[in-house]
């Protein structure tokens, strides 16, 4: 259950009657169980000296089928690109998991870090030096050896100011990395990335980062890219070059790109050069960009898809009754929110942002619109993540919301300029936006207009032009630690597209990085969460569940908090 804080930075009163309880995750029935799951993700790391071979695979191998194993999945949207160092979205992440593997990868059942391209690693006693030993003979999909010097060159590209990668900050744990990205350091050899020899990579951190292996395992920002291929198609630090096209793309994962038909289908097939090719049972995966949820659901129902990316909210109850074996509702470590451009009136005034946050009936929204067992969100940080429970919470009644709006100069909404709400094209997002639009009109007298854009255009608007006043958004954790929900709101972070900046928040963040233990770190996070509750640069709406349809014939697919599912363990039962 969510915990409230009545401290000075979160003194708003309850919006909803205190007798009403947040809906719980389905099918799990208590937050206590979720807490156990969150904490458990970090306790099963293999010994640093482990050298896994075929016998150490966490899942027993399924028998090979004589029938071609082609898994057909809905992917949500057309991807920006297939370059792991320049993309940002969940649809892209699903593709990166097929085409690339990190130094460290994930166990399919609970996502704890296991050896990937690196067969083993060591960590110095002070927690500052990580040494990764690449597998003997490990290769790119074109048969070229993967080497430590190419890994260093790859990280140099990721951190280069010219590339301007939104996720460069996920490498800033390394010594000198942030200074290199910000142009304060121009000699990359002075950063913490070193190739000790052809197969040994050493990374020196600026401070201990106990969750580093989780980040490397789960997020494509740490992916090594084939710089020997990129150089053939343009400058190394250039985006959107031809290296990601069919016939040019080279990766390190269990699959390779066979065909990319924009807005239709992306097909990947088995990579014969993958180091663990014997474990891979699928012959191919077909990813379908399916922003139209109704079309996607019909494709599943008629056997054209084995898995949807989502389900239309209106179909969830039908699946509960008629196709329960195909309905999957699992905890998902993420928050659905509305991003405020704090440089655009009337959202320049935090009282307006607070009033809007208070005037949303989240429980009604979940019960009547989303219908997927989500939990109302009154803060940004997901409660229970690795044992962290934020105390600060957006609370207050409708009378307070109206008072705040009046204090901002808009009594009963009079004089308040219309607020345009941007969302990426999709039926569920539209339904949520229309419901909240009505709540704000009825409760506050504030008029909201809606605008939709397809995924790639939406991302450009969000990050490049910032041509929005309010924007629908979601943040899915990159790894299981509360840090992931708080780091993105720091000044200059590649994913902080609110244009909000708070010097006290930034100082607390830097202090958290040097904390001696999680207890001290979590207390700093409590203060950061309180600032977010008070300033409301984003309006949290609900914590996700992953709601989709999955064919019972799909095996080796386990519910995970990050919705990551290593594809080499998945197969189809005929």
Protein backbone atom coordinates (compact mmCIF):
# COMPACT_ATOMS: atom_id res chain seq x y z
CA UNK A 1 0.00 0.00 0.00
CA UNK A 2 1.22 3.51 -0.77
CA UNK A 3 2.67 5.48 2.10
CA UNK A 4 1.83 9.15 2.69
CA UNK A 5 4.08 11.87 4.08
CA UNK A 6 2.61 14.92 5.80
CA UNK A 7 5.94 16.76 5.88
CA UNK A 8 6.39 20.44 4.98
CA UNK A 9 6.98 19.79 1.28
CA UNK A 10 3.94 17.56 0.88
CA UNK A 11 1.31 19.18 3.07
CA UNK A 12 -1.61 18.80 0.65
CA UNK A 13 -4.66 17.04 2.13
CA UNK A 14 -6.14 13.77 0.81
CA UNK A 15 -7.97 14.10 -2.50
CA UNK A 16 -9.89 10.85 -2.17
CA UNK A 17 -11.70 9.47 0.90
CA UNK A 18 -9.22 7.69 3.12
CA UNK A 19 -11.38 4.59 3.18
CA UNK A 20 -10.72 3.96 -0.50
CA UNK A 21 -7.72 1.79 -1.23
CA UNK A 22 -5.49 1.67 -4.29
CA UNK A 23 -6.24 -1.20 -6.62
CA UNK A 24 -3.62 -3.89 -6.33
CA UNK A 25 -1.57 -5.48 -9.00
CA UNK A 26 -3.11 -8.49 -10.70
CA UNK A 27 -2.52 -11.36 -10.56
CA UNK A 28 -0.34 -10.64 -7.50
CA UNK A 29 -2.35 -9.68 -4.46
CA UNK A 30 -0.10 -7.70 -2.16
CA UNK A 31 2.56 -5.04 -2.24
CA UNK A 32 4.49 -7.14 0.25
CA UNK A 33 4.94 -9.78 -2.42
CA UNK A 34 6.06 -7.13 -4.88
CA UNK A 35 8.63 -5.93 -2.37
CA UNK A 36 10.01 -9.43 -2.09
CA UNK A 37 10.25 -9.58 -5.86
CA UNK A 38 11.99 -6.21 -6.08
CA UNK A 39 14.53 -7.07 -3.43
CA UNK A 40 15.17 -10.50 -4.87
CA UNK A 41 16.33 -9.16 -8.22
CA UNK A 42 19.63 -8.07 -6.76
CA UNK A 43 20.60 -11.06 -4.63
CA UNK A 44 21.38 -13.75 -7.15
CA UNK A 45 24.36 -12.42 -9.04
CA UNK A 46 26.72 -15.22 -10.07
CA UNK A 47 30.15 -15.21 -8.48
CA UNK A 48 32.45 -12.83 -10.30
CA UNK A 49 34.72 -15.74 -11.11
CA UNK A 50 31.95 -17.80 -12.70
CA UNK A 51 32.72 -19.09 -16.16
CA UNK A 52 29.45 -20.44 -17.50
CA UNK A 53 29.28 -22.89 -20.33
CA UNK A 54 26.43 -24.80 -21.86
CA UNK A 55 25.80 -26.61 -18.58
CA UNK A 56 25.25 -23.32 -16.69
CA UNK A 57 22.35 -22.11 -18.82
CA UNK A 58 19.61 -21.06 -16.32
CA UNK A 59 16.88 -22.78 -18.36
CA UNK A 60 16.96 -26.35 -19.56
CA UNK A 61 17.17 -26.54 -23.34
CA UNK A 62 13.91 -27.27 -25.14
CA UNK A 63 13.98 -29.90 -27.85
CA UNK A 64 14.44 -28.61 -31.38
CA UNK A 65 11.31 -28.77 -33.51
CA UNK A 66 11.17 -29.90 -37.13
CA UNK A 67 8.58 -27.15 -37.74
CA UNK A 68 10.08 -23.66 -38.25
CA UNK A 69 9.91 -21.71 -35.00
CA UNK A 70 8.69 -18.25 -36.03
CA UNK A 71 7.47 -16.05 -33.18
CA UNK A 72 5.19 -13.19 -34.27
CA UNK A 73 4.85 -10.29 -31.86
CA UNK A 74 3.23 -6.86 -31.75
CA UNK A 75 5.88 -4.23 -31.05
CA UNK A 76 3.79 -1.14 -30.37
CA UNK A 77 5.31 1.30 -32.87
CA UNK A 78 7.69 1.72 -35.76
CA UNK A 79 11.18 2.10 -34.22
CA UNK A 80 13.27 5.23 -34.54
CA UNK A 81 16.28 3.23 -35.66
CA UNK A 82 18.20 0.04 -34.90
CA UNK A 83 21.22 1.78 -33.38
CA UNK A 84 21.32 1.00 -29.63
CA UNK A 85 23.26 4.16 -28.87
CA UNK A 86 20.74 6.58 -30.38
CA UNK A 87 17.28 5.15 -29.63
CA UNK A 88 15.20 5.71 -26.50
CA UNK A 89 11.90 3.85 -26.51
CA UNK A 90 10.42 0.55 -25.37
CA UNK A 91 9.62 -0.56 -28.96
CA UNK A 92 13.30 -0.09 -29.78
CA UNK A 93 14.38 -1.92 -26.64
CA UNK A 94 12.51 -5.06 -27.71
CA UNK A 95 14.47 -5.10 -30.96
CA UNK A 96 17.81 -4.39 -29.29
CA UNK A 97 17.32 -7.49 -27.11
CA UNK A 98 17.23 -9.60 -30.27
CA UNK A 99 20.08 -7.96 -32.16
CA UNK A 100 22.61 -7.25 -29.41
CA UNK A 101 23.92 -8.69 -26.17
CA UNK A 102 25.78 -6.84 -23.45
CA UNK A 103 28.87 -7.74 -21.51
CA UNK A 104 26.38 -8.91 -18.91
CA UNK A 105 22.89 -10.19 -19.70
CA UNK A 106 19.81 -11.28 -17.75
CA UNK A 107 18.46 -14.46 -16.27
CA UNK A 108 15.06 -15.09 -17.94
CA UNK A 109 13.16 -15.73 -14.71
CA UNK A 110 14.18 -12.88 -12.41
CA UNK A 111 16.60 -10.80 -14.56
CA UNK A 112 19.55 -11.05 -12.19
CA UNK A 113 22.82 -10.38 -14.07
CA UNK A 114 24.53 -13.36 -15.71
CA UNK A 115 27.56 -13.48 -18.03
CA UNK A 116 26.96 -12.40 -21.62
CA UNK A 117 29.69 -11.42 -24.07
CA UNK A 118 31.98 -11.41 -21.06
CA UNK A 119 32.47 -14.89 -19.62
CA UNK A 120 33.40 -13.48 -16.22
CA UNK A 121 34.32 -10.31 -14.34
CA UNK A 122 36.09 -9.17 -11.21
CA UNK A 123 35.34 -6.22 -8.94
CA UNK A 124 38.00 -4.52 -6.84
CA UNK A 125 37.62 -4.48 -3.06
CA UNK A 126 36.75 -0.77 -3.09
CA UNK A 127 34.03 -1.34 -5.70
CA UNK A 128 35.61 1.06 -8.17
CA UNK A 129 37.28 -1.16 -10.77
CA UNK A 130 35.34 -3.67 -12.89
CA UNK A 131 37.34 -5.94 -15.16
CA UNK A 132 35.46 -7.88 -17.85
CA UNK A 133 36.95 -10.85 -19.70
CA UNK A 134 35.42 -11.42 -23.13
CA UNK A 135 34.63 -14.98 -24.18
CA UNK A 136 37.31 -16.61 -26.34
CA UNK A 137 36.30 -16.42 -29.97
CA UNK A 138 33.23 -14.23 -29.42
CA UNK A 139 32.17 -12.66 -32.74
CA UNK A 140 29.94 -10.12 -34.40
CA UNK A 141 27.23 -11.41 -36.72
CA UNK A 142 29.56 -10.76 -39.69
CA UNK A 143 32.14 -13.14 -38.18
CA UNK A 144 34.52 -10.39 -37.04
CA UNK A 145 35.96 -10.82 -33.52
CA UNK A 146 34.50 -8.63 -30.77
CA UNK A 147 37.39 -7.00 -28.94
CA UNK A 148 37.99 -4.84 -25.89
CA UNK A 149 39.51 -1.97 -27.95
CA UNK A 150 36.32 -1.85 -30.04
CA UNK A 151 34.31 -1.77 -26.81
CA UNK A 152 36.29 1.27 -25.66
CA UNK A 153 35.77 2.96 -29.02
CA UNK A 154 32.08 2.14 -28.79
CA UNK A 155 31.77 3.80 -25.38
CA UNK A 156 33.68 6.81 -26.67
CA UNK A 157 31.04 7.16 -29.38
CA UNK A 158 28.21 6.79 -26.86
CA UNK A 159 29.68 9.57 -24.71
CA UNK A 160 30.72 11.92 -27.51
CA UNK A 161 29.12 15.39 -27.42
CA UNK A 162 28.49 15.20 -31.17
CA UNK A 163 26.35 12.06 -30.89
CA UNK A 164 24.33 13.68 -28.07
CA UNK A 165 22.82 10.39 -26.96
CA UNK A 166 19.90 10.79 -24.57
CA UNK A 167 21.17 7.84 -22.54
CA UNK A 168 24.81 8.88 -22.27
CA UNK A 169 24.21 9.61 -18.59
CA UNK A 170 23.87 5.88 -17.89
CA UNK A 171 27.63 5.66 -18.49
CA UNK A 172 28.48 8.63 -16.31
CA UNK A 173 29.25 6.31 -13.41
CA UNK A 174 32.64 5.79 -15.07
CA UNK A 175 35.44 8.18 -14.15
CA UNK A 176 35.62 11.14 -16.54
CA UNK A 177 32.59 10.02 -18.58
CA UNK A 178 30.34 12.96 -17.70
CA UNK A 179 33.13 15.48 -18.27
CA UNK A 180 33.81 13.96 -21.70
CA UNK A 181 30.15 14.24 -22.72
CA UNK A 182 29.98 17.85 -21.51
CA UNK A 183 33.21 18.80 -23.33
CA UNK A 184 35.20 19.42 -20.16
CA UNK A 185 37.51 16.52 -21.00
CA UNK A 186 38.64 15.98 -24.60
CA UNK A 187 41.12 13.13 -24.15
CA UNK A 188 39.07 9.93 -23.88
CA UNK A 189 42.10 7.95 -22.71
CA UNK A 190 41.80 9.82 -19.41
CA UNK A 191 38.34 8.38 -18.72
CA UNK A 192 37.72 5.15 -16.83
CA UNK A 193 37.47 2.96 -19.97
CA UNK A 194 40.60 0.92 -20.79
CA UNK A 195 41.37 -2.07 -22.98
CA UNK A 196 44.03 -4.03 -21.11
CA UNK A 197 44.42 -6.36 -24.08
CA UNK A 198 42.29 -7.66 -26.95
CA UNK A 199 39.86 -9.49 -24.66
CA UNK A 200 40.06 -7.61 -21.35
CA UNK A 201 38.04 -4.45 -20.65
CA UNK A 202 38.54 -2.43 -17.49
CA UNK A 203 36.07 0.19 -16.26
CA UNK A 204 37.01 2.46 -13.37
CA UNK A 205 34.14 4.25 -11.62
CA UNK A 206 34.14 7.64 -9.92
CA UNK A 207 32.28 6.17 -6.93
CA UNK A 208 30.97 2.71 -5.98
CA UNK A 209 27.82 1.82 -7.93
CA UNK A 210 26.40 -1.43 -6.52
CA UNK A 211 23.69 -1.62 -9.21
CA UNK A 212 26.09 -1.20 -12.16
CA UNK A 213 25.82 -4.83 -13.31
CA UNK A 214 22.02 -4.53 -13.36
CA UNK A 215 22.28 -1.51 -15.66
CA UNK A 216 24.74 -3.18 -18.02
CA UNK A 217 22.57 -6.29 -18.14
CA UNK A 218 19.24 -4.59 -18.75
CA UNK A 219 19.88 -1.46 -20.80
CA UNK A 220 21.12 -1.06 -24.36
CA UNK A 221 23.01 2.15 -23.47
CA UNK A 222 25.91 -0.10 -22.47
CA UNK A 223 25.77 -2.07 -25.72
CA UNK A 224 29.00 -2.42 -27.66
CA UNK A 225 28.44 -1.43 -31.29
CA UNK A 226 30.44 -2.65 -34.33
CA UNK A 227 32.50 0.47 -34.93
CA UNK A 228 34.32 -1.30 -37.78
CA UNK A 229 30.96 -1.33 -39.60
CA UNK A 230 29.80 2.16 -38.61
CA UNK A 231 32.92 3.71 -40.12
CA UNK A 232 31.97 2.35 -43.54
CA UNK A 233 28.77 4.38 -43.61
CA UNK A 234 29.68 7.75 -42.16
CA UNK A 235 31.27 9.43 -39.17
CA UNK A 236 31.47 7.36 -36.01
CA UNK A 237 29.53 9.94 -33.98
CA UNK A 238 26.83 10.46 -36.63
CA UNK A 239 23.19 9.42 -36.17
CA UNK A 240 20.84 7.71 -38.64
CA UNK A 241 23.42 6.42 -41.10
CA UNK A 242 22.91 3.45 -43.42
CA UNK A 243 24.65 0.94 -41.14
CA UNK A 244 21.32 -0.01 -39.55
CA UNK A 245 19.64 -0.89 -42.85
CA UNK A 246 18.92 -4.38 -44.10
CA UNK A 247 22.10 -5.94 -45.45
CA UNK A 248 24.35 -3.56 -43.50
CA UNK A 249 23.34 -4.20 -39.92
CA UNK A 250 25.74 -6.14 -37.71
CA UNK A 251 25.03 -7.16 -34.14
CA UNK A 252 26.13 -9.41 -31.30
CA UNK A 253 22.85 -10.94 -30.17
CA UNK A 254 21.08 -14.25 -30.78
CA UNK A 255 19.41 -12.88 -33.94
CA UNK A 256 20.39 -10.83 -36.98
CA UNK A 257 18.36 -8.46 -39.12
CA UNK A 258 16.89 -10.14 -42.18
CA UNK A 259 14.39 -7.53 -43.36
CA UNK A 260 12.95 -4.18 -42.30
CA UNK A 261 9.78 -3.18 -44.12
CA UNK A 262 8.87 0.20 -42.56
CA UNK A 263 5.42 0.34 -40.95
CA UNK A 264 4.91 -3.33 -41.81
CA UNK A 265 7.32 -5.80 -40.23
CA UNK A 266 10.87 -6.32 -38.98
CA UNK A 267 12.18 -9.86 -39.31
CA UNK A 268 15.20 -11.20 -37.44
CA UNK A 269 16.65 -14.68 -37.88
CA UNK A 270 19.09 -16.86 -35.95
CA UNK A 271 22.65 -15.53 -35.76
CA UNK A 272 25.02 -18.41 -36.59
CA UNK A 273 27.97 -16.51 -35.07
CA UNK A 274 26.29 -15.96 -31.70
CA UNK A 275 28.41 -17.54 -28.95
CA UNK A 276 25.42 -19.39 -27.43
CA UNK A 277 23.67 -20.26 -30.71
CA UNK A 278 23.00 -23.81 -29.50
CA UNK A 279 20.58 -22.47 -26.87
CA UNK A 280 18.51 -20.48 -29.36
CA UNK A 281 15.38 -22.37 -30.40
CA UNK A 282 13.46 -19.77 -32.40
CA UNK A 283 14.34 -19.65 -36.08
CA UNK A 284 12.95 -16.14 -36.50
CA UNK A 285 11.02 -13.37 -34.77
CA UNK A 286 8.66 -11.10 -36.68
CA UNK A 287 8.04 -7.73 -35.02
CA UNK A 288 4.91 -5.87 -36.15
CA UNK A 289 4.51 -2.11 -35.49
CA UNK A 290 0.93 -2.09 -34.23
CA UNK A 291 -0.09 1.32 -32.91
CA UNK A 292 -3.73 0.48 -33.69
CA UNK A 293 -4.63 -1.69 -30.71
CA UNK A 294 -7.86 -2.88 -32.27
CA UNK A 295 -6.02 -4.18 -35.32
CA UNK A 296 -3.37 -5.79 -33.12
CA UNK A 297 -5.99 -7.59 -31.02
CA UNK A 298 -7.74 -8.89 -34.15
CA UNK A 299 -4.41 -10.18 -35.47
CA UNK A 300 -3.94 -12.11 -32.25
CA UNK A 301 -7.49 -13.44 -32.24
CA UNK A 302 -7.15 -14.69 -35.84
CA UNK A 303 -3.77 -16.33 -35.23
CA UNK A 304 -1.59 -13.77 -37.04
CA UNK A 305 0.23 -12.85 -33.81
CA UNK A 306 1.50 -14.97 -30.93
CA UNK A 307 1.72 -11.96 -28.61
CA UNK A 308 0.32 -8.44 -28.53
CA UNK A 309 2.17 -5.47 -27.18
CA UNK A 310 -0.98 -4.31 -25.37
CA UNK A 311 -4.71 -4.92 -25.30
CA UNK A 312 -7.44 -2.33 -25.82
CA UNK A 313 -8.76 -1.49 -22.37
CA UNK A 314 -12.28 -2.28 -23.55
CA UNK A 315 -11.20 -5.85 -24.36
CA UNK A 316 -9.65 -6.75 -21.00
CA UNK A 317 -12.89 -7.88 -19.34
CA UNK A 318 -13.77 -9.93 -22.42
CA UNK A 319 -10.45 -11.75 -22.23
CA UNK A 320 -10.94 -12.33 -18.51
CA UNK A 321 -14.19 -14.13 -19.26
CA UNK A 322 -13.59 -15.78 -22.63
CA UNK A 323 -9.81 -16.22 -23.07
CA UNK A 324 -8.25 -16.22 -19.60
CA UNK A 325 -5.45 -18.55 -20.75
CA UNK A 326 -4.22 -15.80 -23.12
CA UNK A 327 -4.62 -12.77 -20.83
CA UNK A 328 -1.43 -11.67 -19.09
CA UNK A 329 -1.48 -8.97 -16.41
CA UNK A 330 1.87 -8.68 -14.64
CA UNK A 331 3.58 -6.07 -12.46
CA UNK A 332 5.63 -3.66 -14.57
CA UNK A 333 8.17 -1.36 -12.98
CA UNK A 334 7.06 1.93 -14.50
CA UNK A 335 4.96 5.04 -14.07
CA UNK A 336 2.46 6.67 -16.45
CA UNK A 337 2.53 10.45 -16.18
CA UNK A 338 1.94 13.77 -17.93
CA UNK A 339 5.06 15.80 -18.60
CA UNK A 340 4.79 19.57 -18.11
CA UNK A 341 6.80 22.01 -20.17
CA UNK A 342 7.49 24.39 -17.30
CA UNK A 343 8.59 27.17 -19.68
CA UNK A 344 5.09 27.50 -21.18
CA UNK A 345 2.20 29.32 -19.47
CA UNK A 346 0.17 28.47 -17.54
CA UNK A 347 2.44 25.57 -16.49
CA UNK A 348 5.19 28.00 -15.51
CA UNK A 349 3.30 28.35 -12.20
CA UNK A 350 3.64 25.32 -9.96
CA UNK A 351 0.27 26.10 -8.36
CA UNK A 352 -1.40 25.37 -11.68
CA UNK A 353 0.54 22.11 -11.94
CA UNK A 354 -0.45 21.19 -8.38
CA UNK A 355 -4.11 21.97 -9.06
CA UNK A 356 -4.14 19.81 -12.18
CA UNK A 357 -2.47 16.95 -10.29
CA UNK A 358 -5.08 17.13 -7.52
CA UNK A 359 -8.07 17.21 -9.86
CA UNK A 360 -7.49 13.75 -11.36
CA UNK A 361 -9.59 10.93 -9.91
CA UNK A 362 -7.02 8.20 -10.44
CA UNK A 363 -9.07 5.38 -8.94
CA UNK A 364 -12.01 6.15 -11.20
CA UNK A 365 -9.66 6.29 -14.18
CA UNK A 366 -8.24 2.86 -13.38
CA UNK A 367 -11.60 1.29 -12.68
CA UNK A 368 -13.45 2.69 -15.68
CA UNK A 369 -10.83 3.43 -18.35
CA UNK A 370 -7.55 1.50 -18.05
CA UNK A 371 -9.04 -1.62 -16.35
CA UNK A 372 -5.70 -3.40 -16.06
CA UNK A 373 -5.23 -3.53 -12.29
CA UNK A 374 -2.89 -0.53 -12.23
CA UNK A 375 -2.11 1.32 -8.98
CA UNK A 376 -2.85 5.06 -8.62
CA UNK A 377 0.38 7.09 -8.56
CA UNK A 378 0.69 10.06 -6.22
CA UNK A 379 4.44 10.31 -6.71
CA UNK A 380 7.04 9.40 -9.32
CA UNK A 381 9.02 6.69 -7.52
CA UNK A 382 7.53 3.20 -7.70
CA UNK A 383 6.86 2.05 -4.10
CA UNK A 384 8.84 -0.98 -3.00
CA UNK A 385 11.58 -0.78 -5.62
CA UNK A 386 14.51 -2.63 -4.03
CA UNK A 387 12.98 -1.94 -0.62
CA UNK A 388 12.48 1.81 -1.10
CA UNK A 389 9.10 3.30 -0.14
CA UNK A 390 8.74 7.05 -0.82
CA UNK A 391 6.97 8.94 1.95
CA UNK A 392 6.09 12.05 -0.03
CA UNK A 393 2.78 11.92 -1.84
CA UNK A 394 0.55 14.31 -3.79
CA UNK A 395 -2.47 14.76 -1.52
CA UNK A 396 -5.23 17.31 -1.29
CA UNK A 397 -8.94 17.72 -1.98
CA UNK A 398 -10.73 19.44 -4.82
CA UNK A 399 -11.27 22.55 -2.74
CA UNK A 400 -7.52 22.93 -2.38
CA UNK A 401 -7.06 22.42 -6.11
CA UNK A 402 -9.51 25.26 -6.83
CA UNK A 403 -7.81 27.46 -4.24
CA UNK A 404 -4.40 26.92 -5.82
CA UNK A 405 -5.76 27.70 -9.28
CA UNK A 406 -7.39 30.89 -7.98
CA UNK A 407 -4.13 31.94 -6.28
CA UNK A 408 -2.41 31.49 -9.65
CA UNK A 409 -4.89 34.03 -11.10
CA UNK A 410 -7.46 31.68 -12.63
CA UNK A 411 -10.51 31.43 -10.33
CA UNK A 412 -12.77 28.64 -11.60
CA UNK A 413 -10.47 28.44 -14.60
CA UNK A 414 -11.38 31.92 -15.83
CA UNK A 415 -8.57 33.49 -17.84
CA UNK A 416 -6.57 30.27 -17.93
CA UNK A 417 -5.26 29.72 -21.45
CA UNK A 418 -6.21 26.36 -23.00
CA UNK A 419 -3.64 23.65 -22.33
CA UNK A 420 -2.69 21.45 -25.28
CA UNK A 421 -2.04 17.84 -24.32
CA UNK A 422 0.12 15.84 -26.72
CA UNK A 423 -0.01 12.04 -26.82
CA UNK A 424 1.47 9.44 -29.13
CA UNK A 425 -1.13 7.86 -31.39
CA UNK A 426 -2.81 4.96 -29.63
CA UNK A 427 -6.37 4.23 -28.51
CA UNK A 428 -5.61 3.70 -24.81
CA UNK A 429 -3.67 6.97 -24.54
CA UNK A 430 -6.53 8.80 -26.22
CA UNK A 431 -9.12 7.29 -23.87
CA UNK A 432 -7.07 8.33 -20.83
CA UNK A 433 -6.52 11.82 -22.22
CA UNK A 434 -10.22 12.30 -22.92
CA UNK A 435 -11.17 11.17 -19.42
CA UNK A 436 -8.68 13.54 -17.75
CA UNK A 437 -9.72 16.33 -20.13
CA UNK A 438 -13.26 15.99 -18.79
CA UNK A 439 -12.09 15.89 -15.17
CA UNK A 440 -10.14 19.14 -15.57
CA UNK A 441 -13.02 20.85 -17.36
CA UNK A 442 -15.60 19.74 -14.77
CA UNK A 443 -13.49 20.13 -11.62
CA UNK A 444 -11.45 23.23 -12.45
CA UNK A 445 -12.99 24.89 -15.50
CA UNK A 446 -9.70 24.43 -17.35
CA UNK A 447 -9.96 23.71 -21.08
CA UNK A 448 -7.62 21.12 -22.58
CA UNK A 449 -7.16 20.41 -26.28
CA UNK A 450 -5.75 17.10 -27.49
CA UNK A 451 -3.12 16.51 -30.15
CA UNK A 452 -1.71 13.18 -31.28
CA UNK A 453 1.48 12.33 -33.19
CA UNK A 454 2.88 9.04 -34.41
CA UNK A 455 5.74 7.65 -32.31
CA UNK A 456 8.81 8.94 -34.15
CA UNK A 457 7.39 12.44 -34.60
CA UNK A 458 6.25 12.45 -30.98
CA UNK A 459 9.79 11.66 -29.81
CA UNK A 460 11.24 14.46 -31.94
CA UNK A 461 8.71 16.89 -30.46
CA UNK A 462 9.53 15.73 -26.95
CA UNK A 463 13.29 15.87 -27.13
CA UNK A 464 14.32 18.17 -29.99
CA UNK A 465 11.79 20.96 -30.47
CA UNK A 466 9.99 20.79 -27.08
CA UNK A 467 6.97 22.01 -29.03
CA UNK A 468 4.41 20.97 -26.46
CA UNK A 469 2.75 22.36 -23.34
CA UNK A 470 1.81 19.05 -21.73
CA UNK A 471 2.72 15.59 -22.97
CA UNK A 472 1.61 12.07 -22.16
CA UNK A 473 4.62 10.00 -21.15
CA UNK A 474 5.67 6.83 -19.39
CA UNK A 475 8.89 5.78 -17.72
CA UNK A 476 9.77 2.11 -17.51
CA UNK A 477 12.66 1.35 -15.18
CA UNK A 478 15.96 0.54 -16.86
CA UNK A 479 17.04 -1.51 -13.84
CA UNK A 480 15.62 -2.43 -10.45
CA UNK A 481 16.72 0.42 -8.19
CA UNK A 482 14.90 3.60 -7.04
CA UNK A 483 17.73 5.64 -8.56
CA UNK A 484 16.19 5.03 -11.99
CA UNK A 485 13.05 7.02 -11.18
CA UNK A 486 14.91 10.04 -9.79
CA UNK A 487 18.01 10.57 -11.91
CA UNK A 488 16.12 11.71 -15.03
CA UNK A 489 14.86 14.94 -13.42
CA UNK A 490 18.33 16.37 -12.80
CA UNK A 491 19.39 19.44 -14.76
CA UNK A 492 20.73 18.53 -18.18
CA UNK A 493 19.73 14.87 -18.04
CA UNK A 494 19.11 13.53 -21.54
CA UNK A 495 15.60 12.41 -20.63
CA UNK A 496 14.54 15.48 -18.64
CA UNK A 497 12.39 17.08 -21.32
CA UNK A 498 10.29 19.14 -18.91
CA UNK A 499 12.97 21.90 -18.98
CA UNK A 500 12.57 21.92 -15.17
CA UNK A 501 15.67 22.55 -13.09
CA UNK A 502 16.16 22.66 -9.33
CA UNK A 503 19.58 23.26 -7.79
CA UNK A 504 18.66 21.67 -4.46
CA UNK A 505 17.47 18.54 -6.27
CA UNK A 506 20.74 18.40 -8.22
CA UNK A 507 22.81 18.72 -5.03
CA UNK A 508 20.88 15.93 -3.36
CA UNK A 509 21.38 13.73 -6.40
CA UNK A 510 25.14 14.20 -6.31
CA UNK A 511 25.12 13.50 -2.59
CA UNK A 512 23.23 10.24 -3.14
CA UNK A 513 25.92 9.04 -5.55
CA UNK A 514 28.50 9.15 -2.77
CA UNK A 515 26.36 7.57 -0.03
CA UNK A 516 28.06 4.86 1.98
CA UNK A 517 25.05 2.55 2.04
CA UNK A 518 21.48 2.17 0.81
CA UNK A 519 19.99 3.44 4.07
CA UNK A 520 21.71 6.80 3.68
CA UNK A 521 21.02 6.86 -0.06
CA UNK A 522 17.30 6.17 0.41
CA UNK A 523 16.96 9.01 2.94
CA UNK A 524 18.33 11.39 0.31
CA UNK A 525 15.85 9.99 -2.18
CA UNK A 526 13.04 10.80 0.25
CA UNK A 527 14.02 14.47 0.04
CA UNK A 528 14.21 14.31 -3.74
CA UNK A 529 10.77 12.74 -3.96
CA UNK A 530 9.40 15.49 -1.70
CA UNK A 531 10.74 18.15 -4.09
CA UNK A 532 9.09 16.45 -7.05
CA UNK A 533 5.78 16.29 -5.15
CA UNK A 534 6.01 19.99 -4.35
CA UNK A 535 7.20 21.21 -7.76
CA UNK A 536 5.20 18.75 -9.93
CA UNK A 537 7.24 19.02 -13.14
CA UNK A 538 5.42 15.83 -14.07
CA UNK A 539 1.94 14.73 -13.01
CA UNK A 540 2.01 11.03 -12.01
CA UNK A 541 -1.16 9.14 -12.89
CA UNK A 542 -0.67 5.42 -12.29
CA UNK A 543 1.92 2.71 -11.88
CA UNK A 544 1.87 0.28 -14.74
CA UNK A 545 0.89 -3.28 -15.13
CA UNK A 546 1.82 -5.09 -18.32
CA UNK A 547 -1.46 -6.08 -19.95
CA UNK A 548 -1.26 -8.08 -23.15
CA UNK A 549 -2.31 -11.29 -24.86
CA UNK A 550 0.09 -14.23 -25.13
CA UNK A 551 -0.55 -17.52 -26.88
CA UNK A 552 -0.36 -20.54 -24.55
CA UNK A 553 1.98 -22.19 -27.06
CA UNK A 554 4.74 -19.68 -26.19
CA UNK A 555 7.14 -21.26 -23.68
CA UNK A 556 10.17 -19.94 -21.82
CA UNK A 557 8.45 -16.59 -21.30
CA UNK A 558 8.29 -15.51 -17.65
CA UNK A 559 6.71 -12.44 -16.00
CA UNK A 560 9.45 -9.99 -15.04
CA UNK A 561 9.37 -6.57 -13.43
CA UNK A 562 11.04 -4.89 -16.41
CA UNK A 563 9.13 -6.86 -19.05
CA UNK A 564 12.47 -8.10 -20.38
CA UNK A 565 12.42 -11.62 -21.80
CA UNK A 566 15.73 -12.95 -23.17
CA UNK A 567 14.68 -14.37 -26.51
CA UNK A 568 17.12 -17.23 -26.67
CA UNK A 569 15.10 -19.11 -24.03
CA UNK A 570 11.74 -18.70 -25.79
CA UNK A 571 10.27 -21.38 -28.02
CA UNK A 572 6.90 -22.43 -29.44
CA UNK A 573 5.10 -25.59 -28.47
CA UNK A 574 3.59 -27.21 -31.56
